[in-house]
Amino acid sequence: MLNPKSIRLSTGVFCIVLSGLAQAQITYEQAQAECQGIAQQQASASGTTQQPPAGGRARGAAAGALAGAAKAKSKTNQYGNVSDQVSEEYTRNQMQEAAKMGAAAGAAKQRQQRRQDQQQQSASSDAYNQAFNACMASKGFAQ
């Protein structure tokens, strides 16, 4: 038969153990929150995040069209006996060709910028993980 005192004593020990586990859990959660803040500060200091570039093709096409128009105007001014209709058609063709090349160049530049942004984001993520793990290890929590 169980003695009521032994039940009370064992229940008290069990409560102390649970209380210690709850305190350890709170300490772990506090350390985790503190380390997350530290890691975010260190990761943001190592690199800045930017919006991915957009509109590269459109900007390239517009710049190309302007360059094509300028080139065409320059060429048609060299020949004084060219009719206005021929001059306008030549200018339009030069603008279209230059706009196509500008759009391709703008798209390539945009892709390159996105790749660089992805590499920077990966490096920032690595910096965060290293800082977080180092902080948790310094507090006695292995990750």
Protein backbone atom coordinates (compact mmCIF):
# COMPACT_ATOMS: atom_id res chain seq x y z
CA MET A 1 0.00 0.00 0.00
CA LEU A 2 1.22 3.45 -0.82
CA ASN A 3 1.93 5.90 1.90
CA PRO A 4 0.26 9.32 1.31
CA LYS A 5 3.50 11.06 2.40
CA SER A 6 5.55 9.21 -0.22
CA ILE A 7 3.02 10.13 -2.89
CA ARG A 8 3.19 13.78 -1.87
CA LEU A 9 7.00 13.67 -1.77
CA SER A 10 7.30 12.06 -5.17
CA THR A 11 4.77 14.49 -6.60
CA GLY A 12 6.81 17.38 -5.23
CA VAL A 13 10.00 16.07 -6.84
CA PHE A 14 8.14 15.61 -10.12
CA CYS A 15 6.91 19.22 -9.94
CA ILE A 16 10.45 20.45 -9.27
CA VAL A 17 11.73 18.55 -12.31
CA LEU A 18 8.92 19.93 -14.48
CA SER A 19 9.56 23.41 -13.13
CA GLY A 20 13.24 23.07 -14.04
CA LEU A 21 12.33 21.90 -17.57
CA ALA A 22 9.94 24.81 -18.01
CA GLN A 23 12.66 27.22 -16.84
CA ALA A 24 15.14 25.64 -19.27
CA GLN A 25 12.59 25.98 -22.09
CA ILE A 26 12.04 29.66 -21.32
CA THR A 27 15.80 30.21 -21.21
CA TYR A 28 16.21 28.45 -24.57
CA GLU A 29 13.41 30.52 -26.10
CA GLN A 30 14.90 33.73 -24.69
CA ALA A 31 18.33 32.81 -26.04
CA GLN A 32 16.82 31.93 -29.40
CA ALA A 33 14.99 35.27 -29.65
CA GLU A 34 18.08 37.20 -28.62
CA CYS A 35 20.28 35.32 -31.09
CA GLN A 36 17.78 35.87 -33.90
CA GLY A 37 17.95 39.62 -33.30
CA ILE A 38 21.74 39.61 -33.23
CA ALA A 39 21.95 37.46 -36.36
CA GLN A 40 19.52 39.74 -38.23
CA GLN A 41 21.59 42.79 -37.36
CA GLN A 42 24.81 41.14 -38.48
CA ALA A 43 23.29 39.77 -41.70
CA SER A 44 21.73 43.12 -42.63
CA ALA A 45 25.06 44.87 -41.96
CA SER A 46 26.81 42.49 -44.35
CA GLY A 47 24.52 43.24 -47.31
CA THR A 48 21.54 45.26 -48.36
CA THR A 49 18.49 43.76 -49.95
CA GLN A 50 17.02 45.38 -53.03
CA GLN A 51 13.97 44.99 -55.15
CA PRO A 52 14.69 42.88 -58.19
CA PRO A 53 15.08 45.05 -61.26
CA ALA A 54 12.13 45.28 -63.59
CA GLY A 55 11.55 46.83 -66.97
CA GLY A 56 15.00 46.14 -68.39
CA ARG A 57 13.66 45.32 -71.84
CA ALA A 58 11.46 48.39 -72.00
CA ARG A 59 14.27 50.71 -70.88
CA GLY A 60 16.66 49.07 -73.33
CA ALA A 61 14.16 49.36 -76.18
CA ALA A 62 13.50 53.02 -75.43
CA ALA A 63 17.21 53.82 -75.26
CA GLY A 64 17.80 51.88 -78.46
CA ALA A 65 15.00 53.67 -80.27
CA LEU A 66 16.40 57.04 -79.26
CA ALA A 67 19.87 56.03 -80.39
CA GLY A 68 18.47 54.71 -83.67
CA ALA A 69 16.59 57.93 -84.30
CA ALA A 70 19.67 60.01 -83.60
CA LYS A 71 21.77 57.84 -85.92
CA ALA A 72 19.16 58.03 -88.68
CA LYS A 73 18.81 61.81 -88.39
CA SER A 74 22.56 62.14 -88.59
CA LYS A 75 22.72 59.96 -91.70
CA THR A 76 19.85 61.68 -93.48
CA ASN A 77 21.39 65.09 -92.75
CA GLN A 78 24.50 63.96 -94.60
CA TYR A 79 22.46 63.56 -97.78
CA GLY A 80 20.63 66.77 -98.53
CA ASN A 81 18.74 65.48 -101.56
CA VAL A 82 16.74 62.73 -99.73
CA SER A 83 12.96 63.18 -99.68
CA ASP A 84 11.13 63.51 -96.36
CA GLN A 85 9.26 60.25 -96.94
CA VAL A 86 12.46 58.26 -97.47
CA SER A 87 14.09 60.00 -94.50
CA GLU A 88 11.16 59.14 -92.22
CA GLU A 89 11.10 55.52 -93.38
CA TYR A 90 14.85 55.18 -92.84
CA THR A 91 14.55 56.74 -89.39
CA ARG A 92 11.67 54.41 -88.47
CA ASN A 93 13.65 51.34 -89.60
CA GLN A 94 16.74 52.45 -87.69
CA MET A 95 14.63 53.03 -84.57
CA GLN A 96 13.05 49.58 -84.83
CA GLU A 97 16.36 47.80 -85.27
CA ALA A 98 18.03 49.72 -82.47
CA ALA A 99 15.01 49.14 -80.19
CA LYS A 100 15.28 45.38 -80.74
CA MET A 101 18.97 45.42 -79.87
CA GLY A 102 18.32 47.67 -76.87
CA ALA A 103 15.59 45.34 -75.59
CA ALA A 104 17.94 42.35 -75.84
CA ALA A 105 20.72 44.25 -74.07
CA GLY A 106 18.32 45.46 -71.36
CA ALA A 107 17.05 41.94 -70.75
CA ALA A 108 20.60 40.60 -70.47
CA LYS A 109 21.51 43.33 -67.99
CA GLN A 110 18.38 42.59 -65.96
CA ARG A 111 19.18 38.85 -65.81
CA GLN A 112 22.73 39.59 -64.71
CA GLN A 113 21.48 41.89 -61.94
CA ARG A 114 19.04 39.24 -60.72
CA ARG A 115 21.82 36.65 -60.55
CA GLN A 116 23.96 39.05 -58.52
CA ASP A 117 21.04 39.78 -56.19
CA GLN A 118 20.46 36.04 -55.65
CA GLN A 119 24.13 35.52 -54.81
CA GLN A 120 24.04 38.42 -52.37
CA GLN A 121 20.87 37.07 -50.77
CA SER A 122 22.48 33.65 -50.38
CA ALA A 123 25.54 35.21 -48.75
CA SER A 124 23.30 37.18 -46.41
CA SER A 125 21.43 34.01 -45.46
CA ASP A 126 24.72 32.23 -44.77
CA ALA A 127 25.87 35.15 -42.60
CA TYR A 128 22.60 34.99 -40.63
CA ASN A 129 22.93 31.24 -40.03
CA GLN A 130 26.56 31.52 -38.93
CA ALA A 131 25.82 34.40 -36.55
CA PHE A 132 22.77 32.62 -35.09
CA ASN A 133 24.63 29.34 -34.55
CA ALA A 134 27.62 31.10 -32.99
CA CYS A 135 25.35 33.02 -30.64
CA MET A 136 23.43 29.92 -29.57
CA ALA A 137 26.68 28.01 -29.04
CA SER A 138 28.02 30.83 -26.86
CA LYS A 139 24.92 30.48 -24.70
CA GLY A 140 25.44 26.74 -24.37
CA PHE A 141 22.88 25.55 -26.88
CA ALA A 142 24.30 23.43 -29.68
CA GLN A 143 22.54 23.70 -33.03
